[in-house]
């Protein structure tokens, strides 16, 4: 473990220059994919959008259900605190540390705008100030997250990560809800990554929605999304106060 810390320390200065930091958004967004108590998707219960868009159009790429694909069976839940659960968490944590120790010496970290739908990722959550860096990996190997939606923000003034989450987050929730209803979402957890102000100043305009394991140390065992089944559409950028998902997601 000391080797891991040493390698990460050496890589810190390079990471600041080589990769745009992204927020874990622990204070801006939840990571649970769920529905409101009424049974209506939470995203659809947002305040009505203005009749006339107040901003430019954003591009969204989201995974869509594969026609005729068999539903993915849900992973059986393991009671929190059980011996099996702790063993799995310890093994996953060790796998993450080993991967990242090697990655910082052999791979270039990715920017938000570098990823594509269905890319599988490892991300380093150990850096300070709630930032992280991430690497793409082979989806046939264990991984922490998988890209299920991408939001390209129009070029405009930066208003903060929480405001960006207010715009992109509901779109990501809608994409997850569609996949879940089709039986093609294997877990009930996700995380949204938004550009920092430093990212924005370098031209970064991409937010990504990630599928995660059901707990913070669970690794996904294979790729769950088909990159051939993705929908590209434009949505008006109303801003966080007026965000609403149109019927049908388009």
C-alpha atoms as a PDB file:
ATOM      1  CA  UNK A   1       0.000   0.000   0.000  1.00  0.00           C
ATOM      2  CA  UNK A   2       2.949   2.328   0.641  1.00  0.00           C
ATOM      3  CA  UNK A   3       4.060   1.830  -2.961  1.00  0.00           C
ATOM      4  CA  UNK A   4       0.614   2.877  -4.089  1.00  0.00           C
ATOM      5  CA  UNK A   5       0.747   6.067  -2.054  1.00  0.00           C
ATOM      6  CA  UNK A   6       4.249   6.882  -3.284  1.00  0.00           C
ATOM      7  CA  UNK A   7       3.312   6.428  -6.948  1.00  0.00           C
ATOM      8  CA  UNK A   8       0.177   8.519  -6.540  1.00  0.00           C
ATOM      9  CA  UNK A   9       2.227  11.239  -4.854  1.00  0.00           C
ATOM     10  CA  UNK A  10       4.689  11.329  -7.743  1.00  0.00           C
ATOM     11  CA  UNK A  11       1.853  11.431 -10.222  1.00  0.00           C
ATOM     12  CA  UNK A  12      -0.079  14.238  -8.535  1.00  0.00           C
ATOM     13  CA  UNK A  13       1.749  17.119 -10.230  1.00  0.00           C
ATOM     14  CA  UNK A  14       1.491  15.400 -13.609  1.00  0.00           C
ATOM     15  CA  UNK A  15      -2.200  14.723 -13.078  1.00  0.00           C
ATOM     16  CA  UNK A  16      -2.987  18.372 -12.419  1.00  0.00           C
ATOM     17  CA  UNK A  17      -1.522  19.278 -15.789  1.00  0.00           C
ATOM     18  CA  UNK A  18      -2.445  16.196 -17.805  1.00  0.00           C
ATOM     19  CA  UNK A  19      -6.067  15.673 -16.842  1.00  0.00           C
ATOM     20  CA  UNK A  20      -8.973  17.953 -16.091  1.00  0.00           C
ATOM     21  CA  UNK A  21     -10.211  17.267 -12.576  1.00  0.00           C
ATOM     22  CA  UNK A  22     -13.850  16.350 -12.180  1.00  0.00           C
ATOM     23  CA  UNK A  23     -16.069  16.638  -9.135  1.00  0.00           C
ATOM     24  CA  UNK A  24     -17.412  13.648  -7.247  1.00  0.00           C
ATOM     25  CA  UNK A  25     -20.382  15.906  -6.487  1.00  0.00           C
ATOM     26  CA  UNK A  26     -20.995  14.469  -3.042  1.00  0.00           C
ATOM     27  CA  UNK A  27     -22.835  17.632  -2.084  1.00  0.00           C
ATOM     28  CA  UNK A  28     -24.651  18.236  -5.399  1.00  0.00           C
ATOM     29  CA  UNK A  29     -26.247  14.979  -6.432  1.00  0.00           C
ATOM     30  CA  UNK A  30     -27.322  11.625  -5.138  1.00  0.00           C
ATOM     31  CA  UNK A  31     -26.072   8.377  -6.631  1.00  0.00           C
ATOM     32  CA  UNK A  32     -29.286   6.365  -6.323  1.00  0.00           C
ATOM     33  CA  UNK A  33     -31.345   5.614  -9.400  1.00  0.00           C
ATOM     34  CA  UNK A  34     -34.921   5.521  -8.193  1.00  0.00           C
ATOM     35  CA  UNK A  35     -38.442   6.759  -8.639  1.00  0.00           C
ATOM     36  CA  UNK A  36     -40.546   9.187  -6.664  1.00  0.00           C
ATOM     37  CA  UNK A  37     -43.080   7.759  -4.216  1.00  0.00           C
ATOM     38  CA  UNK A  38     -45.927   8.258  -6.658  1.00  0.00           C
ATOM     39  CA  UNK A  39     -44.278   5.841  -9.085  1.00  0.00           C
ATOM     40  CA  UNK A  40     -43.518   8.593 -11.614  1.00  0.00           C
ATOM     41  CA  UNK A  41     -39.803   9.022 -12.487  1.00  0.00           C
ATOM     42  CA  UNK A  42     -38.341  11.763 -10.305  1.00  0.00           C
ATOM     43  CA  UNK A  43     -37.003  13.600 -13.370  1.00  0.00           C
ATOM     44  CA  UNK A  44     -40.515  13.909 -14.780  1.00  0.00           C
ATOM     45  CA  UNK A  45     -41.715  15.650 -11.613  1.00  0.00           C
ATOM     46  CA  UNK A  46     -39.435  18.655 -12.098  1.00  0.00           C
ATOM     47  CA  UNK A  47     -40.942  22.104 -12.365  1.00  0.00           C
ATOM     48  CA  UNK A  48     -42.390  22.827 -15.819  1.00  0.00           C
ATOM     49  CA  UNK A  49     -39.903  24.292 -18.260  1.00  0.00           C
ATOM     50  CA  UNK A  50     -40.394  27.764 -19.730  1.00  0.00           C
ATOM     51  CA  UNK A  51     -42.458  27.837 -22.934  1.00  0.00           C
ATOM     52  CA  UNK A  52     -39.541  29.405 -24.789  1.00  0.00           C
ATOM     53  CA  UNK A  53     -35.983  28.077 -24.260  1.00  0.00           C
ATOM     54  CA  UNK A  54     -33.802  30.650 -22.559  1.00  0.00           C
ATOM     55  CA  UNK A  55     -30.527  29.206 -23.768  1.00  0.00           C
ATOM     56  CA  UNK A  56     -28.821  27.389 -26.643  1.00  0.00           C
ATOM     57  CA  UNK A  57     -29.177  23.702 -27.410  1.00  0.00           C
ATOM     58  CA  UNK A  58     -27.093  20.999 -25.752  1.00  0.00           C
ATOM     59  CA  UNK A  59     -26.189  17.649 -27.284  1.00  0.00           C
ATOM     60  CA  UNK A  60     -26.972  14.500 -25.330  1.00  0.00           C
ATOM     61  CA  UNK A  61     -25.833  10.963 -26.106  1.00  0.00           C
ATOM     62  CA  UNK A  62     -27.533   8.285 -24.034  1.00  0.00           C
ATOM     63  CA  UNK A  63     -27.592   4.523 -24.036  1.00  0.00           C
ATOM     64  CA  UNK A  64     -30.937   3.090 -25.173  1.00  0.00           C
ATOM     65  CA  UNK A  65     -32.407  -0.393 -24.643  1.00  0.00           C
ATOM     66  CA  UNK A  66     -31.198  -2.934 -27.166  1.00  0.00           C
ATOM     67  CA  UNK A  67     -34.220  -4.339 -29.056  1.00  0.00           C
ATOM     68  CA  UNK A  68     -34.861  -7.964 -28.220  1.00  0.00           C
ATOM     69  CA  UNK A  69     -32.082  -8.121 -25.622  1.00  0.00           C
ATOM     70  CA  UNK A  70     -32.708 -10.337 -22.636  1.00  0.00           C
ATOM     71  CA  UNK A  71     -33.219  -8.448 -19.367  1.00  0.00           C
ATOM     72  CA  UNK A  72     -30.165  -8.485 -17.099  1.00  0.00           C
ATOM     73  CA  UNK A  73     -30.927 -10.336 -13.857  1.00  0.00           C
ATOM     74  CA  UNK A  74     -30.344  -8.217 -10.780  1.00  0.00           C
ATOM     75  CA  UNK A  75     -27.347  -9.128  -8.706  1.00  0.00           C
ATOM     76  CA  UNK A  76     -28.430 -10.764  -5.434  1.00  0.00           C
ATOM     77  CA  UNK A  77     -28.016  -8.344  -2.551  1.00  0.00           C
ATOM     78  CA  UNK A  78     -25.667  -9.187   0.304  1.00  0.00           C
ATOM     79  CA  UNK A  79     -26.618  -7.850   3.744  1.00  0.00           C
ATOM     80  CA  UNK A  80     -24.380  -4.967   4.798  1.00  0.00           C
ATOM     81  CA  UNK A  81     -21.725  -6.025   7.268  1.00  0.00           C
ATOM     82  CA  UNK A  82     -21.817  -9.716   6.366  1.00  0.00           C
ATOM     83  CA  UNK A  83     -18.519 -11.557   6.101  1.00  0.00           C
ATOM     84  CA  UNK A  84     -19.006 -12.138   2.381  1.00  0.00           C
ATOM     85  CA  UNK A  85     -19.746  -8.479   1.762  1.00  0.00           C
ATOM     86  CA  UNK A  86     -16.644  -7.347   3.671  1.00  0.00           C
ATOM     87  CA  UNK A  87     -14.474  -9.835   1.792  1.00  0.00           C
ATOM     88  CA  UNK A  88     -15.771  -8.577  -1.555  1.00  0.00           C
ATOM     89  CA  UNK A  89     -15.204  -4.950  -0.551  1.00  0.00           C
ATOM     90  CA  UNK A  90     -11.652  -5.650   0.616  1.00  0.00           C
ATOM     91  CA  UNK A  91     -10.846  -7.523  -2.602  1.00  0.00           C
ATOM     92  CA  UNK A  92     -12.302  -4.734  -4.736  1.00  0.00           C
ATOM     93  CA  UNK A  93     -10.413  -2.052  -2.804  1.00  0.00           C
ATOM     94  CA  UNK A  94      -7.143  -3.944  -3.265  1.00  0.00           C
ATOM     95  CA  UNK A  95      -7.848  -4.376  -6.987  1.00  0.00           C
ATOM     96  CA  UNK A  96      -8.469  -0.623  -7.328  1.00  0.00           C
ATOM     97  CA  UNK A  97      -5.238   0.256  -5.538  1.00  0.00           C
ATOM     98  CA  UNK A  98      -3.187  -2.147  -7.636  1.00  0.00           C
ATOM     99  CA  UNK A  99      -4.711  -0.931 -10.880  1.00  0.00           C
ATOM    100  CA  UNK A 100      -4.180   2.751 -10.071  1.00  0.00           C
ATOM    101  CA  UNK A 101      -0.601   2.210  -8.910  1.00  0.00           C
ATOM    102  CA  UNK A 102       0.190   0.821 -12.351  1.00  0.00           C
ATOM    103  CA  UNK A 103      -2.040   3.185 -14.316  1.00  0.00           C
ATOM    104  CA  UNK A 104      -0.321   6.356 -13.104  1.00  0.00           C
ATOM    105  CA  UNK A 105       2.984   5.055 -14.420  1.00  0.00           C
ATOM    106  CA  UNK A 106       1.778   3.550 -17.689  1.00  0.00           C
ATOM    107  CA  UNK A 107      -1.403   5.306 -18.865  1.00  0.00           C
ATOM    108  CA  UNK A 108      -2.593   8.826 -19.572  1.00  0.00           C
ATOM    109  CA  UNK A 109      -5.585   9.956 -17.526  1.00  0.00           C
ATOM    110  CA  UNK A 110      -8.674  10.826 -19.573  1.00  0.00           C
ATOM    111  CA  UNK A 111     -10.600  14.058 -19.836  1.00  0.00           C
ATOM    112  CA  UNK A 112     -14.383  14.086 -19.588  1.00  0.00           C
ATOM    113  CA  UNK A 113     -14.632  14.854 -23.288  1.00  0.00           C
ATOM    114  CA  UNK A 114     -12.515  11.809 -24.165  1.00  0.00           C
ATOM    115  CA  UNK A 115     -15.045   9.174 -23.128  1.00  0.00           C
ATOM    116  CA  UNK A 116     -17.695   7.440 -25.229  1.00  0.00           C
ATOM    117  CA  UNK A 117     -20.925   5.639 -24.416  1.00  0.00           C
ATOM    118  CA  UNK A 118     -20.264   2.217 -22.820  1.00  0.00           C
ATOM    119  CA  UNK A 119     -16.648   3.029 -21.911  1.00  0.00           C
ATOM    120  CA  UNK A 120     -15.586   1.289 -18.703  1.00  0.00           C
ATOM    121  CA  UNK A 121     -13.616   3.270 -16.138  1.00  0.00           C
ATOM    122  CA  UNK A 122     -11.518   3.229 -13.020  1.00  0.00           C
ATOM    123  CA  UNK A 123     -11.394   6.531 -11.161  1.00  0.00           C
ATOM    124  CA  UNK A 124      -9.064   7.642  -8.400  1.00  0.00           C
ATOM    125  CA  UNK A 125     -11.082   9.042  -5.492  1.00  0.00           C
ATOM    126  CA  UNK A 126      -8.134   9.581  -3.158  1.00  0.00           C
ATOM    127  CA  UNK A 127      -7.045  13.033  -4.246  1.00  0.00           C
ATOM    128  CA  UNK A 128      -7.932  16.078  -2.176  1.00  0.00           C
ATOM    129  CA  UNK A 129     -10.597  18.746  -2.718  1.00  0.00           C
ATOM    130  CA  UNK A 130     -13.224  16.292  -3.972  1.00  0.00           C
ATOM    131  CA  UNK A 131     -11.577  15.781  -7.348  1.00  0.00           C
ATOM    132  CA  UNK A 132     -10.672  12.648  -9.204  1.00  0.00           C
ATOM    133  CA  UNK A 133      -8.973  11.375 -12.349  1.00  0.00           C
ATOM    134  CA  UNK A 134     -10.024   8.374 -14.378  1.00  0.00           C
ATOM    135  CA  UNK A 135      -8.752   5.807 -16.858  1.00  0.00           C
ATOM    136  CA  UNK A 136     -10.583   3.720 -19.447  1.00  0.00           C
ATOM    137  CA  UNK A 137     -10.211  -0.055 -19.182  1.00  0.00           C
ATOM    138  CA  UNK A 138     -11.270  -3.193 -21.035  1.00  0.00           C
ATOM    139  CA  UNK A 139     -14.916  -3.886 -20.172  1.00  0.00           C
ATOM    140  CA  UNK A 140     -14.123  -7.610 -19.936  1.00  0.00           C
ATOM    141  CA  UNK A 141     -12.115  -6.840 -16.785  1.00  0.00           C
ATOM    142  CA  UNK A 142     -13.520  -5.669 -13.426  1.00  0.00           C
ATOM    143  CA  UNK A 143     -14.188  -1.927 -13.412  1.00  0.00           C
ATOM    144  CA  UNK A 144     -15.767   0.752 -11.235  1.00  0.00           C
ATOM    145  CA  UNK A 145     -18.077   2.503 -13.646  1.00  0.00           C
ATOM    146  CA  UNK A 146     -19.559   2.461 -17.124  1.00  0.00           C
ATOM    147  CA  UNK A 147     -20.599   5.491 -19.195  1.00  0.00           C
ATOM    148  CA  UNK A 148     -24.362   5.485 -19.803  1.00  0.00           C
ATOM    149  CA  UNK A 149     -24.933   9.123 -20.839  1.00  0.00           C
ATOM    150  CA  UNK A 150     -22.940  12.129 -22.063  1.00  0.00           C
ATOM    151  CA  UNK A 151     -24.102  15.765 -21.941  1.00  0.00           C
ATOM    152  CA  UNK A 152     -22.319  18.351 -24.103  1.00  0.00           C
ATOM    153  CA  UNK A 153     -23.001  21.766 -22.602  1.00  0.00           C
ATOM    154  CA  UNK A 154     -23.238  24.782 -24.919  1.00  0.00           C
ATOM    155  CA  UNK A 155     -20.364  27.226 -24.635  1.00  0.00           C
ATOM    156  CA  UNK A 156     -21.508  29.746 -22.043  1.00  0.00           C
ATOM    157  CA  UNK A 157     -20.560  31.238 -18.706  1.00  0.00           C
ATOM    158  CA  UNK A 158     -19.605  28.777 -15.987  1.00  0.00           C
ATOM    159  CA  UNK A 159     -22.048  28.810 -13.071  1.00  0.00           C
ATOM    160  CA  UNK A 160     -20.660  26.001 -10.923  1.00  0.00           C
ATOM    161  CA  UNK A 161     -20.742  22.225 -10.747  1.00  0.00           C
ATOM    162  CA  UNK A 162     -24.016  22.093  -8.842  1.00  0.00           C
ATOM    163  CA  UNK A 163     -25.744  24.197 -11.501  1.00  0.00           C
ATOM    164  CA  UNK A 164     -24.352  21.942 -14.228  1.00  0.00           C
ATOM    165  CA  UNK A 165     -25.667  18.975 -12.291  1.00  0.00           C
ATOM    166  CA  UNK A 166     -29.079  20.643 -12.143  1.00  0.00           C
ATOM    167  CA  UNK A 167     -29.047  20.712 -15.939  1.00  0.00           C
ATOM    168  CA  UNK A 168     -27.443  17.371 -16.841  1.00  0.00           C
ATOM    169  CA  UNK A 169     -28.463  15.299 -13.810  1.00  0.00           C
ATOM    170  CA  UNK A 170     -32.161  14.944 -14.759  1.00  0.00           C
ATOM    171  CA  UNK A 171     -31.169  13.874 -18.273  1.00  0.00           C
ATOM    172  CA  UNK A 172     -28.939  11.161 -16.820  1.00  0.00           C
ATOM    173  CA  UNK A 173     -31.716  10.071 -14.462  1.00  0.00           C
ATOM    174  CA  UNK A 174     -34.115   9.794 -17.390  1.00  0.00           C
ATOM    175  CA  UNK A 175     -31.654   7.645 -19.357  1.00  0.00           C
ATOM    176  CA  UNK A 176     -31.227   5.371 -16.348  1.00  0.00           C
ATOM    177  CA  UNK A 177     -34.976   5.111 -15.867  1.00  0.00           C
ATOM    178  CA  UNK A 178     -35.490   4.014 -19.489  1.00  0.00           C
ATOM    179  CA  UNK A 179     -32.821   1.330 -19.142  1.00  0.00           C
ATOM    180  CA  UNK A 180     -34.215   0.136 -15.827  1.00  0.00           C
ATOM    181  CA  UNK A 181     -37.738  -0.187 -17.218  1.00  0.00           C
ATOM    182  CA  UNK A 182     -36.329  -2.288 -20.067  1.00  0.00           C
ATOM    183  CA  UNK A 183     -34.619  -4.571 -17.558  1.00  0.00           C
ATOM    184  CA  UNK A 184     -31.195  -3.637 -18.934  1.00  0.00           C
ATOM    185  CA  UNK A 185     -29.826  -1.793 -15.897  1.00  0.00           C
ATOM    186  CA  UNK A 186     -28.019  -4.242 -13.609  1.00  0.00           C
ATOM    187  CA  UNK A 187     -27.551  -2.006 -10.544  1.00  0.00           C
ATOM    188  CA  UNK A 188     -29.394   0.810  -8.815  1.00  0.00           C
ATOM    189  CA  UNK A 189     -26.470   3.186  -8.356  1.00  0.00           C
ATOM    190  CA  UNK A 190     -24.763   5.818 -10.473  1.00  0.00           C
ATOM    191  CA  UNK A 191     -22.589   8.919 -10.207  1.00  0.00           C
ATOM    192  CA  UNK A 192     -22.544  12.058 -12.351  1.00  0.00           C
ATOM    193  CA  UNK A 193     -19.267  13.843 -13.103  1.00  0.00           C
ATOM    194  CA  UNK A 194     -19.297  17.546 -13.978  1.00  0.00           C
ATOM    195  CA  UNK A 195     -16.515  19.876 -15.205  1.00  0.00           C
ATOM    196  CA  UNK A 196     -14.739  22.045 -12.666  1.00  0.00           C
ATOM    197  CA  UNK A 197     -14.207  25.739 -13.337  1.00  0.00           C
ATOM    198  CA  UNK A 198     -10.608  24.960 -14.325  1.00  0.00           C
ATOM    199  CA  UNK A 199     -11.909  22.395 -16.836  1.00  0.00           C
ATOM    200  CA  UNK A 200     -14.354  24.941 -18.236  1.00  0.00           C
ATOM    201  CA  UNK A 201     -11.601  27.474 -18.795  1.00  0.00           C
ATOM    202  CA  UNK A 202      -9.700  24.942 -20.921  1.00  0.00           C
ATOM    203  CA  UNK A 203     -12.773  24.374 -23.098  1.00  0.00           C
ATOM    204  CA  UNK A 204     -14.187  21.279 -21.397  1.00  0.00           C
ATOM    205  CA  UNK A 205     -17.989  21.191 -21.855  1.00  0.00           C
ATOM    206  CA  UNK A 206     -18.787  17.535 -21.130  1.00  0.00           C
ATOM    207  CA  UNK A 207     -20.621  15.947 -18.194  1.00  0.00           C
ATOM    208  CA  UNK A 208     -20.937  12.179 -17.931  1.00  0.00           C
ATOM    209  CA  UNK A 209     -23.378   9.851 -16.169  1.00  0.00           C
ATOM    210  CA  UNK A 210     -21.892   6.630 -14.845  1.00  0.00           C
ATOM    211  CA  UNK A 211     -23.381   3.293 -13.889  1.00  0.00           C
ATOM    212  CA  UNK A 212     -21.770   1.998 -10.675  1.00  0.00           C
ATOM    213  CA  UNK A 213     -21.839  -1.089  -8.505  1.00  0.00           C
ATOM    214  CA  UNK A 214     -24.403  -1.180  -5.716  1.00  0.00           C
ATOM    215  CA  UNK A 215     -21.914  -0.170  -3.051  1.00  0.00           C
ATOM    216  CA  UNK A 216     -18.910   2.103  -3.066  1.00  0.00           C
ATOM    217  CA  UNK A 217     -16.393  -0.747  -3.459  1.00  0.00           C
ATOM    218  CA  UNK A 218     -18.272  -3.113  -5.747  1.00  0.00           C
ATOM    219  CA  UNK A 219     -16.716  -3.714  -9.160  1.00  0.00           C
ATOM    220  CA  UNK A 220     -18.762  -4.353 -12.295  1.00  0.00           C
ATOM    221  CA  UNK A 221     -17.829  -7.696 -13.773  1.00  0.00           C
ATOM    222  CA  UNK A 222     -18.361  -6.997 -17.473  1.00  0.00           C
ATOM    223  CA  UNK A 223     -19.648  -4.368 -19.870  1.00  0.00           C
ATOM    224  CA  UNK A 224     -23.424  -3.924 -19.619  1.00  0.00           C
ATOM    225  CA  UNK A 225     -24.042  -1.338 -22.341  1.00  0.00           C
ATOM    226  CA  UNK A 226     -23.962  -1.781 -26.099  1.00  0.00           C
ATOM    227  CA  UNK A 227     -22.355   1.276 -27.754  1.00  0.00           C
ATOM    228  CA  UNK A 228     -24.369   0.505 -30.885  1.00  0.00           C
ATOM    229  CA  UNK A 229     -27.576   1.363 -29.025  1.00  0.00           C
ATOM    230  CA  UNK A 230     -27.235   5.020 -28.189  1.00  0.00           C
ATOM    231  CA  UNK A 231     -29.506   7.941 -29.009  1.00  0.00           C
ATOM    232  CA  UNK A 232     -28.176  11.379 -29.915  1.00  0.00           C
ATOM    233  CA  UNK A 233     -30.538  14.299 -29.424  1.00  0.00           C
ATOM    234  CA  UNK A 234     -30.577  17.970 -28.558  1.00  0.00           C
ATOM    235  CA  UNK A 235     -32.233  19.518 -25.513  1.00  0.00           C
ATOM    236  CA  UNK A 236     -32.802  23.207 -24.766  1.00  0.00           C
ATOM    237  CA  UNK A 237     -30.466  24.484 -22.072  1.00  0.00           C
ATOM    238  CA  UNK A 238     -33.002  26.088 -19.734  1.00  0.00           C
ATOM    239  CA  UNK A 239     -30.603  26.201 -16.813  1.00  0.00           C
ATOM    240  CA  UNK A 240     -31.036  24.401 -13.469  1.00  0.00           C
ATOM    241  CA  UNK A 241     -34.176  26.278 -12.445  1.00  0.00           C
ATOM    242  CA  UNK A 242     -36.252  25.262 -15.467  1.00  0.00           C
ATOM    243  CA  UNK A 243     -34.920  21.844 -16.444  1.00  0.00           C
ATOM    244  CA  UNK A 244     -37.546  19.382 -17.640  1.00  0.00           C
ATOM    245  CA  UNK A 245     -37.232  16.161 -19.611  1.00  0.00           C
ATOM    246  CA  UNK A 246     -39.593  16.158 -22.608  1.00  0.00           C
ATOM    247  CA  UNK A 247     -41.859  13.143 -22.992  1.00  0.00           C
ATOM    248  CA  UNK A 248     -40.003  10.281 -24.589  1.00  0.00           C
ATOM    249  CA  UNK A 249     -36.620  11.792 -23.754  1.00  0.00           C
ATOM    250  CA  UNK A 250     -36.314  13.680 -27.035  1.00  0.00           C
END
